[in-house]
Amino acid sequence: MHQVAAKAGAGPGATDCLQSVRPNRTDCEQSVAPHAADTPSWPRASGTERLAQAGVLAVLAAALALGLALEPSPTGMGTHTVLGLPQCGMLAMTGRPCPTCGVTTSFVLAAHGKFYDALVNQPFGLICFLLVVAGMLVTVAMLVTGRSWVPVLTVYGVAVPAAVLLTLALLSWAYKWMSM
């Protein structure tokens, strides 16, 4: 490829660069900073994806609204029974809590702004509450900007966050088990 020497930049401190025969490109410009046209932009969400985002937002908002509507059980467990769900079978049979005992009560406590009580009752319920709020914020941002979720899911994946959540859930269960 034929290249010629040229001055890059204007004014003092300009450096010598090799300019390619191709117009509007010098080798030193490409090595220092790519042109804006060369950097990939965040993909736009398709109509179907935007509909899915709106659906996820509705589900998260409903969970938060339900948490605000319920009153937390004073025993630290059993708030879910107000929804018509049965008592915990493991607790009834063994007297020991299952992995999710207290999660609903803790979520409701957090929804009412009682974060310390939620943490002490069942830490994973507070984590679930924070994930719902964060999920709502991210989803609203994606909907407003029209951006796709695909880069977030493909770059960060779901295996590591799922493993972290499972670990936190098990640690919270151990905490609940020892605190009873």
N, C-alpha and C. Protein backbone atom coordinates (compact mmCIF):
# COMPACT_ATOMS: atom_id res chain seq x y z
N MET A 1 0.86 -1.18 0.00
CA MET A 1 0.00 0.00 0.00
C MET A 1 0.89 1.23 0.00
N HIS A 2 0.56 2.19 -0.82
CA HIS A 2 1.35 3.42 -0.94
C HIS A 2 0.95 4.38 0.18
N GLN A 3 1.93 4.88 0.92
CA GLN A 3 1.65 5.81 2.00
C GLN A 3 2.54 7.03 1.85
N VAL A 4 2.07 8.18 2.27
CA VAL A 4 2.83 9.41 2.20
C VAL A 4 2.85 10.06 3.57
N ALA A 5 3.91 10.81 3.87
CA ALA A 5 4.01 11.49 5.16
C ALA A 5 3.07 12.68 5.18
N ALA A 6 2.41 12.91 6.30
CA ALA A 6 1.50 14.06 6.44
C ALA A 6 1.51 14.50 7.89
N LYS A 7 1.15 15.72 8.12
CA LYS A 7 1.05 16.24 9.48
C LYS A 7 -0.35 15.92 10.01
N ALA A 8 -0.44 15.32 11.20
CA ALA A 8 -1.73 15.04 11.82
C ALA A 8 -2.01 16.14 12.83
N GLY A 9 -3.19 16.65 12.81
CA GLY A 9 -3.58 17.69 13.75
C GLY A 9 -3.20 19.05 13.23
N ALA A 10 -3.62 20.03 13.92
CA ALA A 10 -3.32 21.39 13.52
C ALA A 10 -2.69 22.09 14.70
N GLY A 11 -1.68 22.89 14.43
CA GLY A 11 -1.09 23.68 15.49
C GLY A 11 0.15 23.03 16.07
N PRO A 12 0.61 23.59 17.19
CA PRO A 12 1.85 23.11 17.79
C PRO A 12 1.74 21.67 18.27
N GLY A 13 2.83 20.95 18.18
CA GLY A 13 2.85 19.56 18.67
C GLY A 13 2.31 18.57 17.67
N ALA A 14 2.04 18.98 16.45
CA ALA A 14 1.53 18.06 15.45
C ALA A 14 2.59 17.02 15.15
N THR A 15 2.18 15.77 14.94
CA THR A 15 3.14 14.70 14.70
C THR A 15 3.09 14.27 13.25
N ASP A 16 4.19 13.67 12.81
CA ASP A 16 4.22 13.11 11.47
C ASP A 16 3.50 11.78 11.49
N CYS A 17 2.64 11.54 10.52
CA CYS A 17 1.92 10.28 10.40
C CYS A 17 2.00 9.83 8.96
N LEU A 18 1.78 8.56 8.78
CA LEU A 18 1.70 8.04 7.43
C LEU A 18 0.24 8.06 7.02
N GLN A 19 -0.05 8.73 5.92
CA GLN A 19 -1.43 8.80 5.46
C GLN A 19 -1.62 7.77 4.38
N SER A 20 -2.63 6.97 4.53
CA SER A 20 -2.94 5.95 3.56
C SER A 20 -3.46 6.60 2.28
N VAL A 21 -3.37 5.86 1.20
CA VAL A 21 -3.94 6.35 -0.06
C VAL A 21 -5.44 6.49 0.08
N ARG A 22 -6.03 5.68 0.99
CA ARG A 22 -7.48 5.80 1.22
C ARG A 22 -7.76 7.15 1.86
N PRO A 23 -8.75 7.87 1.38
CA PRO A 23 -9.04 9.20 1.91
C PRO A 23 -9.55 9.15 3.35
N ASN A 24 -9.33 10.25 4.08
CA ASN A 24 -9.86 10.45 5.43
C ASN A 24 -9.36 9.46 6.46
N ARG A 25 -8.19 8.90 6.27
CA ARG A 25 -7.67 7.95 7.26
C ARG A 25 -6.16 8.07 7.32
N THR A 26 -5.66 8.24 8.53
CA THR A 26 -4.22 8.15 8.74
C THR A 26 -3.98 7.06 9.74
N ASP A 27 -2.84 6.42 9.64
CA ASP A 27 -2.54 5.31 10.54
C ASP A 27 -2.48 5.75 12.00
N CYS A 28 -1.97 6.96 12.26
CA CYS A 28 -1.89 7.40 13.66
C CYS A 28 -3.27 7.75 14.20
N GLU A 29 -4.18 8.24 13.37
CA GLU A 29 -5.54 8.52 13.85
C GLU A 29 -6.22 7.23 14.27
N GLN A 30 -6.06 6.17 13.48
CA GLN A 30 -6.70 4.90 13.80
C GLN A 30 -6.13 4.28 15.05
N SER A 31 -4.82 4.46 15.30
CA SER A 31 -4.23 3.84 16.48
C SER A 31 -4.54 4.62 17.75
N VAL A 32 -4.79 5.93 17.63
CA VAL A 32 -5.06 6.75 18.80
C VAL A 32 -6.53 6.68 19.19
N ALA A 33 -7.41 7.00 18.28
CA ALA A 33 -8.84 7.00 18.59
C ALA A 33 -9.64 6.67 17.34
N PRO A 34 -10.48 5.66 17.40
CA PRO A 34 -11.28 5.33 16.23
C PRO A 34 -12.34 6.40 15.99
N HIS A 35 -12.75 6.50 14.75
CA HIS A 35 -13.81 7.45 14.40
C HIS A 35 -15.12 6.98 15.01
N ALA A 36 -16.00 7.90 15.30
CA ALA A 36 -17.29 7.56 15.91
C ALA A 36 -18.06 6.59 15.04
N ALA A 37 -17.89 6.70 13.73
CA ALA A 37 -18.62 5.80 12.83
C ALA A 37 -18.13 4.37 12.94
N ASP A 38 -16.89 4.17 13.43
CA ASP A 38 -16.33 2.84 13.56
C ASP A 38 -16.73 2.14 14.85
N THR A 39 -17.22 2.87 15.86
CA THR A 39 -17.60 2.25 17.13
C THR A 39 -19.04 1.77 17.05
N PRO A 40 -19.27 0.54 17.51
CA PRO A 40 -20.63 0.01 17.44
C PRO A 40 -21.54 0.71 18.44
N SER A 41 -22.77 0.94 18.05
CA SER A 41 -23.73 1.56 18.97
C SER A 41 -24.57 0.47 19.61
N TRP A 42 -25.20 0.83 20.71
CA TRP A 42 -26.07 -0.11 21.41
C TRP A 42 -27.27 -0.39 20.53
N PRO A 43 -27.61 -1.65 20.30
CA PRO A 43 -28.72 -1.96 19.38
C PRO A 43 -30.07 -1.51 19.91
N ARG A 44 -30.93 -1.15 19.00
CA ARG A 44 -32.30 -0.76 19.34
C ARG A 44 -33.12 -2.03 19.59
N ALA A 45 -34.08 -1.93 20.48
CA ALA A 45 -34.96 -3.05 20.77
C ALA A 45 -36.01 -3.17 19.67
N SER A 46 -36.31 -4.40 19.32
CA SER A 46 -37.37 -4.64 18.34
C SER A 46 -38.72 -4.39 19.01
N GLY A 47 -39.77 -4.34 18.23
CA GLY A 47 -41.10 -4.15 18.79
C GLY A 47 -41.47 -5.26 19.75
N THR A 48 -41.10 -6.49 19.42
CA THR A 48 -41.39 -7.63 20.29
C THR A 48 -40.62 -7.52 21.60
N GLU A 49 -39.36 -7.10 21.51
CA GLU A 49 -38.56 -6.96 22.73
C GLU A 49 -39.10 -5.83 23.61
N ARG A 50 -39.53 -4.75 23.00
CA ARG A 50 -40.10 -3.65 23.79
C ARG A 50 -41.39 -4.10 24.48
N LEU A 51 -42.17 -4.92 23.81
CA LEU A 51 -43.38 -5.47 24.43
C LEU A 51 -43.00 -6.36 25.61
N ALA A 52 -41.96 -7.17 25.45
CA ALA A 52 -41.49 -8.03 26.55
C ALA A 52 -40.98 -7.16 27.71
N GLN A 53 -40.26 -6.09 27.40
CA GLN A 53 -39.78 -5.19 28.44
C GLN A 53 -40.95 -4.58 29.21
N ALA A 54 -41.99 -4.17 28.48
CA ALA A 54 -43.17 -3.60 29.14
C ALA A 54 -43.85 -4.65 30.03
N GLY A 55 -43.89 -5.90 29.56
CA GLY A 55 -44.46 -6.98 30.36
C GLY A 55 -43.67 -7.23 31.63
N VAL A 56 -42.34 -7.23 31.53
CA VAL A 56 -41.48 -7.42 32.70
C VAL A 56 -41.68 -6.27 33.68
N LEU A 57 -41.75 -5.06 33.16
CA LEU A 57 -41.98 -3.90 34.03
C LEU A 57 -43.32 -4.02 34.76
N ALA A 58 -44.35 -4.48 34.07
CA ALA A 58 -45.66 -4.65 34.70
C ALA A 58 -45.60 -5.69 35.82
N VAL A 59 -44.90 -6.78 35.59
CA VAL A 59 -44.78 -7.83 36.62
C VAL A 59 -44.00 -7.31 37.84
N LEU A 60 -42.91 -6.60 37.58
CA LEU A 60 -42.12 -6.05 38.69
C LEU A 60 -42.91 -5.00 39.47
N ALA A 61 -43.64 -4.16 38.75
CA ALA A 61 -44.46 -3.14 39.42
C ALA A 61 -45.57 -3.80 40.24
N ALA A 62 -46.14 -4.87 39.72
CA ALA A 62 -47.19 -5.59 40.46
C ALA A 62 -46.62 -6.21 41.74
N ALA A 63 -45.42 -6.76 41.66
CA ALA A 63 -44.78 -7.33 42.86
C ALA A 63 -44.54 -6.25 43.90
N LEU A 64 -44.07 -5.10 43.45
CA LEU A 64 -43.84 -4.00 44.39
C LEU A 64 -45.15 -3.49 44.98
N ALA A 65 -46.17 -3.36 44.15
CA ALA A 65 -47.49 -2.91 44.63
C ALA A 65 -48.06 -3.90 45.64
N LEU A 66 -47.90 -5.18 45.37
CA LEU A 66 -48.39 -6.20 46.30
C LEU A 66 -47.64 -6.10 47.63
N GLY A 67 -46.33 -5.88 47.55
CA GLY A 67 -45.55 -5.72 48.78
C GLY A 67 -46.01 -4.53 49.60
N LEU A 68 -46.41 -3.47 48.92
CA LEU A 68 -46.92 -2.29 49.63
C LEU A 68 -48.31 -2.53 50.20
N ALA A 69 -49.12 -3.35 49.52
CA ALA A 69 -50.50 -3.59 49.95
C ALA A 69 -50.60 -4.54 51.15
N LEU A 70 -49.65 -5.46 51.25
CA LEU A 70 -49.71 -6.45 52.34
C LEU A 70 -49.15 -5.88 53.64
N GLU A 71 -49.58 -6.46 54.72
CA GLU A 71 -49.03 -6.15 56.04
C GLU A 71 -48.12 -7.30 56.44
N PRO A 72 -46.91 -7.01 56.88
CA PRO A 72 -45.99 -8.09 57.24
C PRO A 72 -46.47 -8.83 58.49
N SER A 73 -46.25 -10.13 58.48
CA SER A 73 -46.62 -10.95 59.63
C SER A 73 -45.71 -10.60 60.81
N PRO A 74 -46.29 -10.44 61.99
CA PRO A 74 -45.47 -10.12 63.16
C PRO A 74 -44.56 -11.27 63.58
N THR A 75 -44.84 -12.49 63.10
CA THR A 75 -44.01 -13.64 63.46
C THR A 75 -42.76 -13.74 62.59
N GLY A 76 -42.67 -12.93 61.52
CA GLY A 76 -41.52 -12.99 60.62
C GLY A 76 -41.66 -13.98 59.50
N MET A 77 -42.76 -14.73 59.51
CA MET A 77 -43.05 -15.71 58.45
C MET A 77 -44.56 -15.79 58.31
N GLY A 78 -44.99 -16.26 57.16
CA GLY A 78 -46.42 -16.51 56.98
C GLY A 78 -47.20 -15.39 56.31
N THR A 79 -46.55 -14.33 55.89
CA THR A 79 -47.26 -13.25 55.20
C THR A 79 -47.91 -13.76 53.93
N HIS A 80 -47.31 -14.77 53.30
CA HIS A 80 -47.85 -15.32 52.05
C HIS A 80 -49.21 -15.99 52.22
N THR A 81 -49.58 -16.37 53.43
CA THR A 81 -50.86 -17.04 53.64
C THR A 81 -52.04 -16.11 53.39
N VAL A 82 -51.82 -14.80 53.49
CA VAL A 82 -52.87 -13.82 53.19
C VAL A 82 -53.28 -13.92 51.71
N LEU A 83 -52.36 -14.40 50.88
CA LEU A 83 -52.62 -14.55 49.45
C LEU A 83 -53.32 -15.87 49.12
N GLY A 84 -53.64 -16.64 50.15
CA GLY A 84 -54.31 -17.92 49.92
C GLY A 84 -53.34 -19.08 49.75
N LEU A 85 -52.07 -18.83 49.94
CA LEU A 85 -51.08 -19.90 49.83
C LEU A 85 -51.01 -20.67 51.14
N PRO A 86 -50.67 -21.96 51.09
CA PRO A 86 -50.64 -22.75 52.33
C PRO A 86 -49.44 -22.41 53.21
N GLN A 87 -49.54 -22.82 54.46
CA GLN A 87 -48.40 -22.70 55.38
C GLN A 87 -47.23 -23.51 54.85
N CYS A 88 -46.05 -23.21 55.29
CA CYS A 88 -44.85 -23.94 54.87
C CYS A 88 -44.93 -25.39 55.35
N GLY A 89 -44.86 -26.32 54.44
CA GLY A 89 -44.93 -27.74 54.77
C GLY A 89 -43.72 -28.20 55.56
N MET A 90 -42.55 -27.72 55.19
CA MET A 90 -41.33 -28.12 55.90
C MET A 90 -41.36 -27.62 57.34
N LEU A 91 -41.81 -26.39 57.53
CA LEU A 91 -41.89 -25.84 58.88
C LEU A 91 -42.90 -26.61 59.71
N ALA A 92 -44.02 -26.98 59.11
CA ALA A 92 -45.06 -27.73 59.83
C ALA A 92 -44.57 -29.12 60.22
N MET A 93 -43.79 -29.77 59.32
CA MET A 93 -43.36 -31.15 59.58
C MET A 93 -42.11 -31.23 60.45
N THR A 94 -41.18 -30.30 60.28
CA THR A 94 -39.90 -30.42 60.98
C THR A 94 -39.69 -29.37 62.06
N GLY A 95 -40.46 -28.29 61.99
CA GLY A 95 -40.25 -27.20 62.93
C GLY A 95 -39.10 -26.30 62.52
N ARG A 96 -38.48 -26.59 61.37
CA ARG A 96 -37.36 -25.80 60.85
C ARG A 96 -37.81 -25.11 59.55
N PRO A 97 -37.29 -23.93 59.28
CA PRO A 97 -37.73 -23.19 58.10
C PRO A 97 -37.18 -23.76 56.79
N CYS A 98 -37.97 -23.58 55.73
CA CYS A 98 -37.51 -23.94 54.39
C CYS A 98 -36.66 -22.77 53.85
N PRO A 99 -36.02 -22.92 52.69
CA PRO A 99 -35.18 -21.84 52.16
C PRO A 99 -35.91 -20.52 51.93
N THR A 100 -37.22 -20.58 51.71
CA THR A 100 -37.94 -19.33 51.44
C THR A 100 -38.77 -18.83 52.61
N CYS A 101 -38.70 -19.49 53.75
CA CYS A 101 -39.44 -19.01 54.92
C CYS A 101 -38.99 -17.60 55.28
N GLY A 102 -39.95 -16.70 55.33
CA GLY A 102 -39.68 -15.33 55.70
C GLY A 102 -39.36 -14.39 54.55
N VAL A 103 -39.20 -14.93 53.32
CA VAL A 103 -38.84 -14.07 52.18
C VAL A 103 -39.97 -13.09 51.88
N THR A 104 -41.21 -13.56 51.85
CA THR A 104 -42.34 -12.66 51.56
C THR A 104 -42.45 -11.59 52.64
N THR A 105 -42.35 -12.00 53.90
CA THR A 105 -42.44 -11.04 54.99
C THR A 105 -41.32 -10.00 54.90
N SER A 106 -40.11 -10.46 54.60
CA SER A 106 -38.97 -9.56 54.46
C SER A 106 -39.17 -8.60 53.28
N PHE A 107 -39.68 -9.10 52.16
CA PHE A 107 -39.96 -8.26 50.99
C PHE A 107 -40.97 -7.17 51.35
N VAL A 108 -42.02 -7.57 52.06
CA VAL A 108 -43.06 -6.62 52.47
C VAL A 108 -42.49 -5.58 53.44
N LEU A 109 -41.66 -6.02 54.38
CA LEU A 109 -41.02 -5.08 55.29
C LEU A 109 -40.20 -4.05 54.52
N ALA A 110 -39.43 -4.51 53.53
CA ALA A 110 -38.62 -3.60 52.72
C ALA A 110 -39.49 -2.66 51.91
N ALA A 111 -40.59 -3.17 51.38
CA ALA A 111 -41.51 -2.31 50.61
C ALA A 111 -42.09 -1.21 51.48
N HIS A 112 -42.22 -1.47 52.77
CA HIS A 112 -42.71 -0.47 53.72
C HIS A 112 -41.58 0.39 54.29
N GLY A 113 -40.38 0.24 53.75
CA GLY A 113 -39.26 1.07 54.17
C GLY A 113 -38.55 0.59 55.41
N LYS A 114 -38.86 -0.59 55.89
CA LYS A 114 -38.23 -1.13 57.11
C LYS A 114 -37.09 -2.07 56.69
N PHE A 115 -36.03 -1.47 56.15
CA PHE A 115 -34.94 -2.24 55.57
C PHE A 115 -34.16 -3.05 56.61
N TYR A 116 -33.90 -2.47 57.77
CA TYR A 116 -33.18 -3.21 58.80
C TYR A 116 -34.00 -4.42 59.26
N ASP A 117 -35.29 -4.22 59.49
CA ASP A 117 -36.15 -5.33 59.91
C ASP A 117 -36.19 -6.41 58.83
N ALA A 118 -36.21 -6.00 57.57
CA ALA A 118 -36.21 -6.96 56.46
C ALA A 118 -34.91 -7.76 56.45
N LEU A 119 -33.78 -7.08 56.67
CA LEU A 119 -32.49 -7.76 56.68
C LEU A 119 -32.39 -8.75 57.83
N VAL A 120 -32.83 -8.35 59.01
CA VAL A 120 -32.76 -9.22 60.18
C VAL A 120 -33.73 -10.40 60.04
N ASN A 121 -34.89 -10.18 59.45
CA ASN A 121 -35.90 -11.24 59.31
C ASN A 121 -35.45 -12.33 58.35
N GLN A 122 -35.08 -11.96 57.14
CA GLN A 122 -34.65 -12.92 56.11
C GLN A 122 -33.89 -12.13 55.05
N PRO A 123 -32.56 -12.16 55.07
CA PRO A 123 -31.77 -11.32 54.16
C PRO A 123 -32.12 -11.47 52.68
N PHE A 124 -32.49 -12.67 52.26
CA PHE A 124 -32.78 -12.87 50.84
C PHE A 124 -34.04 -12.13 50.40
N GLY A 125 -34.97 -11.91 51.31
CA GLY A 125 -36.17 -11.12 50.97
C GLY A 125 -35.80 -9.68 50.64
N LEU A 126 -34.85 -9.13 51.39
CA LEU A 126 -34.36 -7.78 51.10
C LEU A 126 -33.64 -7.76 49.76
N ILE A 127 -32.84 -8.78 49.47
CA ILE A 127 -32.15 -8.88 48.19
C ILE A 127 -33.17 -8.94 47.05
N CYS A 128 -34.23 -9.72 47.22
CA CYS A 128 -35.29 -9.80 46.20
C CYS A 128 -35.93 -8.44 45.98
N PHE A 129 -36.21 -7.73 47.06
CA PHE A 129 -36.80 -6.40 46.95
C PHE A 129 -35.87 -5.47 46.16
N LEU A 130 -34.59 -5.47 46.51
CA LEU A 130 -33.63 -4.60 45.81
C LEU A 130 -33.50 -4.97 44.34
N LEU A 131 -33.57 -6.26 44.03
CA LEU A 131 -33.53 -6.69 42.63
C LEU A 131 -34.77 -6.24 41.86
N VAL A 132 -35.92 -6.27 42.50
CA VAL A 132 -37.15 -5.80 41.84
C VAL A 132 -37.04 -4.30 41.54
N VAL A 133 -36.59 -3.52 42.50
CA VAL A 133 -36.46 -2.08 42.29
C VAL A 133 -35.42 -1.79 41.20
N ALA A 134 -34.27 -2.47 41.27
CA ALA A 134 -33.22 -2.27 40.25
C ALA A 134 -33.73 -2.71 38.88
N GLY A 135 -34.44 -3.82 38.85
CA GLY A 135 -35.00 -4.31 37.59
C GLY A 135 -35.99 -3.32 36.98
N MET A 136 -36.78 -2.69 37.83
CA MET A 136 -37.71 -1.68 37.34
C MET A 136 -36.96 -0.49 36.76
N LEU A 137 -35.93 -0.02 37.45
CA LEU A 137 -35.16 1.13 36.97
C LEU A 137 -34.48 0.83 35.63
N VAL A 138 -33.86 -0.34 35.53
CA VAL A 138 -33.18 -0.71 34.28
C VAL A 138 -34.20 -0.87 33.15
N THR A 139 -35.32 -1.49 33.44
CA THR A 139 -36.33 -1.69 32.41
C THR A 139 -36.93 -0.38 31.93
N VAL A 140 -37.18 0.54 32.85
CA VAL A 140 -37.68 1.87 32.45
C VAL A 140 -36.64 2.56 31.57
N ALA A 141 -35.37 2.48 31.97
CA ALA A 141 -34.31 3.10 31.15
C ALA A 141 -34.27 2.49 29.76
N MET A 142 -34.39 1.18 29.67
CA MET A 142 -34.38 0.51 28.36
C MET A 142 -35.59 0.92 27.53
N LEU A 143 -36.75 1.02 28.16
CA LEU A 143 -37.95 1.42 27.43
C LEU A 143 -37.87 2.87 26.95
N VAL A 144 -37.38 3.76 27.80
CA VAL A 144 -37.29 5.18 27.44
C VAL A 144 -36.29 5.40 26.31
N THR A 145 -35.15 4.70 26.39
CA THR A 145 -34.12 4.90 25.37
C THR A 145 -34.32 4.02 24.14
N GLY A 146 -35.19 3.02 24.26
CA GLY A 146 -35.41 2.10 23.13
C GLY A 146 -34.27 1.11 22.95
N ARG A 147 -33.46 0.93 23.96
CA ARG A 147 -32.30 0.03 23.86
C ARG A 147 -32.69 -1.42 24.09
N SER A 148 -31.87 -2.30 23.57
CA SER A 148 -32.10 -3.74 23.68
C SER A 148 -31.46 -4.30 24.94
N TRP A 149 -32.04 -5.39 25.45
CA TRP A 149 -31.45 -6.11 26.57
C TRP A 149 -30.37 -7.07 26.11
N VAL A 150 -30.34 -7.39 24.84
CA VAL A 150 -29.45 -8.44 24.33
C VAL A 150 -27.99 -8.21 24.72
N PRO A 151 -27.42 -7.01 24.58
CA PRO A 151 -26.01 -6.85 24.98
C PRO A 151 -25.78 -7.13 26.46
N VAL A 152 -26.71 -6.74 27.30
CA VAL A 152 -26.56 -6.98 28.74
C VAL A 152 -26.54 -8.48 29.02
N LEU A 153 -27.44 -9.20 28.39
CA LEU A 153 -27.53 -10.64 28.63
C LEU A 153 -26.38 -11.41 28.01
N THR A 154 -25.89 -10.96 26.85
CA THR A 154 -24.81 -11.70 26.19
C THR A 154 -23.44 -11.33 26.74
N VAL A 155 -23.24 -10.09 27.15
CA VAL A 155 -21.94 -9.69 27.69
C VAL A 155 -21.78 -10.23 29.11
N TYR A 156 -22.79 -10.06 29.94
CA TYR A 156 -22.68 -10.45 31.34
C TYR A 156 -23.17 -11.87 31.59
N GLY A 157 -24.00 -12.40 30.71
CA GLY A 157 -24.51 -13.75 30.88
C GLY A 157 -25.44 -13.86 32.08
N VAL A 158 -25.92 -15.05 32.31
CA VAL A 158 -26.82 -15.26 33.45
C VAL A 158 -26.29 -16.31 34.42
N ALA A 159 -25.27 -17.05 34.03
CA ALA A 159 -24.78 -18.13 34.88
C ALA A 159 -24.15 -17.60 36.18
N VAL A 160 -23.29 -16.61 36.08
CA VAL A 160 -22.63 -16.08 37.28
C VAL A 160 -23.64 -15.39 38.21
N PRO A 161 -24.51 -14.48 37.69
CA PRO A 161 -25.51 -13.90 38.59
C PRO A 161 -26.43 -14.95 39.22
N ALA A 162 -26.79 -15.98 38.47
CA ALA A 162 -27.64 -17.03 39.02
C ALA A 162 -26.92 -17.78 40.14
N ALA A 163 -25.64 -18.06 39.95
CA ALA A 163 -24.86 -18.75 40.98
C ALA A 163 -24.72 -17.88 42.23
N VAL A 164 -24.52 -16.58 42.03
CA VAL A 164 -24.42 -15.66 43.17
C VAL A 164 -25.74 -15.62 43.93
N LEU A 165 -26.85 -15.53 43.21
CA LEU A 165 -28.16 -15.49 43.87
C LEU A 165 -28.44 -16.79 44.62
N LEU A 166 -28.10 -17.92 44.03
CA LEU A 166 -28.30 -19.20 44.71
C LEU A 166 -27.46 -19.27 45.99
N THR A 167 -26.23 -18.80 45.91
CA THR A 167 -25.36 -18.78 47.09
C THR A 167 -25.95 -17.87 48.18
N LEU A 168 -26.41 -16.69 47.78
CA LEU A 168 -27.01 -15.77 48.75
C LEU A 168 -28.27 -16.36 49.37
N ALA A 169 -29.07 -17.05 48.56
CA ALA A 169 -30.29 -17.69 49.07
C ALA A 169 -29.94 -18.76 50.10
N LEU A 170 -28.93 -19.56 49.80
CA LEU A 170 -28.54 -20.63 50.75
C LEU A 170 -27.95 -20.05 52.03
N LEU A 171 -27.16 -18.99 51.90
CA LEU A 171 -26.62 -18.34 53.10
C LEU A 171 -27.74 -17.72 53.93
N SER A 172 -28.73 -17.14 53.28
CA SER A 172 -29.87 -16.57 54.00
C SER A 172 -30.67 -17.65 54.71
N TRP A 173 -30.80 -18.81 54.06
CA TRP A 173 -31.50 -19.93 54.67
C TRP A 173 -30.74 -20.39 55.92
N ALA A 174 -29.43 -20.48 55.81
CA ALA A 174 -28.63 -20.89 56.96
C ALA A 174 -28.80 -19.89 58.11
N TYR A 175 -28.81 -18.61 57.76
CA TYR A 175 -29.03 -17.57 58.77
C TYR A 175 -30.39 -17.76 59.43
N LYS A 176 -31.44 -17.96 58.63
CA LYS A 176 -32.80 -18.13 59.16
C LYS A 176 -32.86 -19.38 60.03
N TRP A 177 -32.22 -20.44 59.58
CA TRP A 177 -32.20 -21.72 60.31
C TRP A 177 -31.58 -21.53 61.70
N MET A 178 -30.44 -20.79 61.73
CA MET A 178 -29.74 -20.59 63.00
C MET A 178 -30.47 -19.58 63.90
N SER A 179 -31.25 -18.67 63.32
CA SER A 179 -31.89 -17.64 64.14
C SER A 179 -33.21 -18.10 64.73
N MET A 180 -33.67 -19.30 64.38
CA MET A 180 -34.93 -19.81 64.95
C MET A 180 -34.69 -20.67 66.15
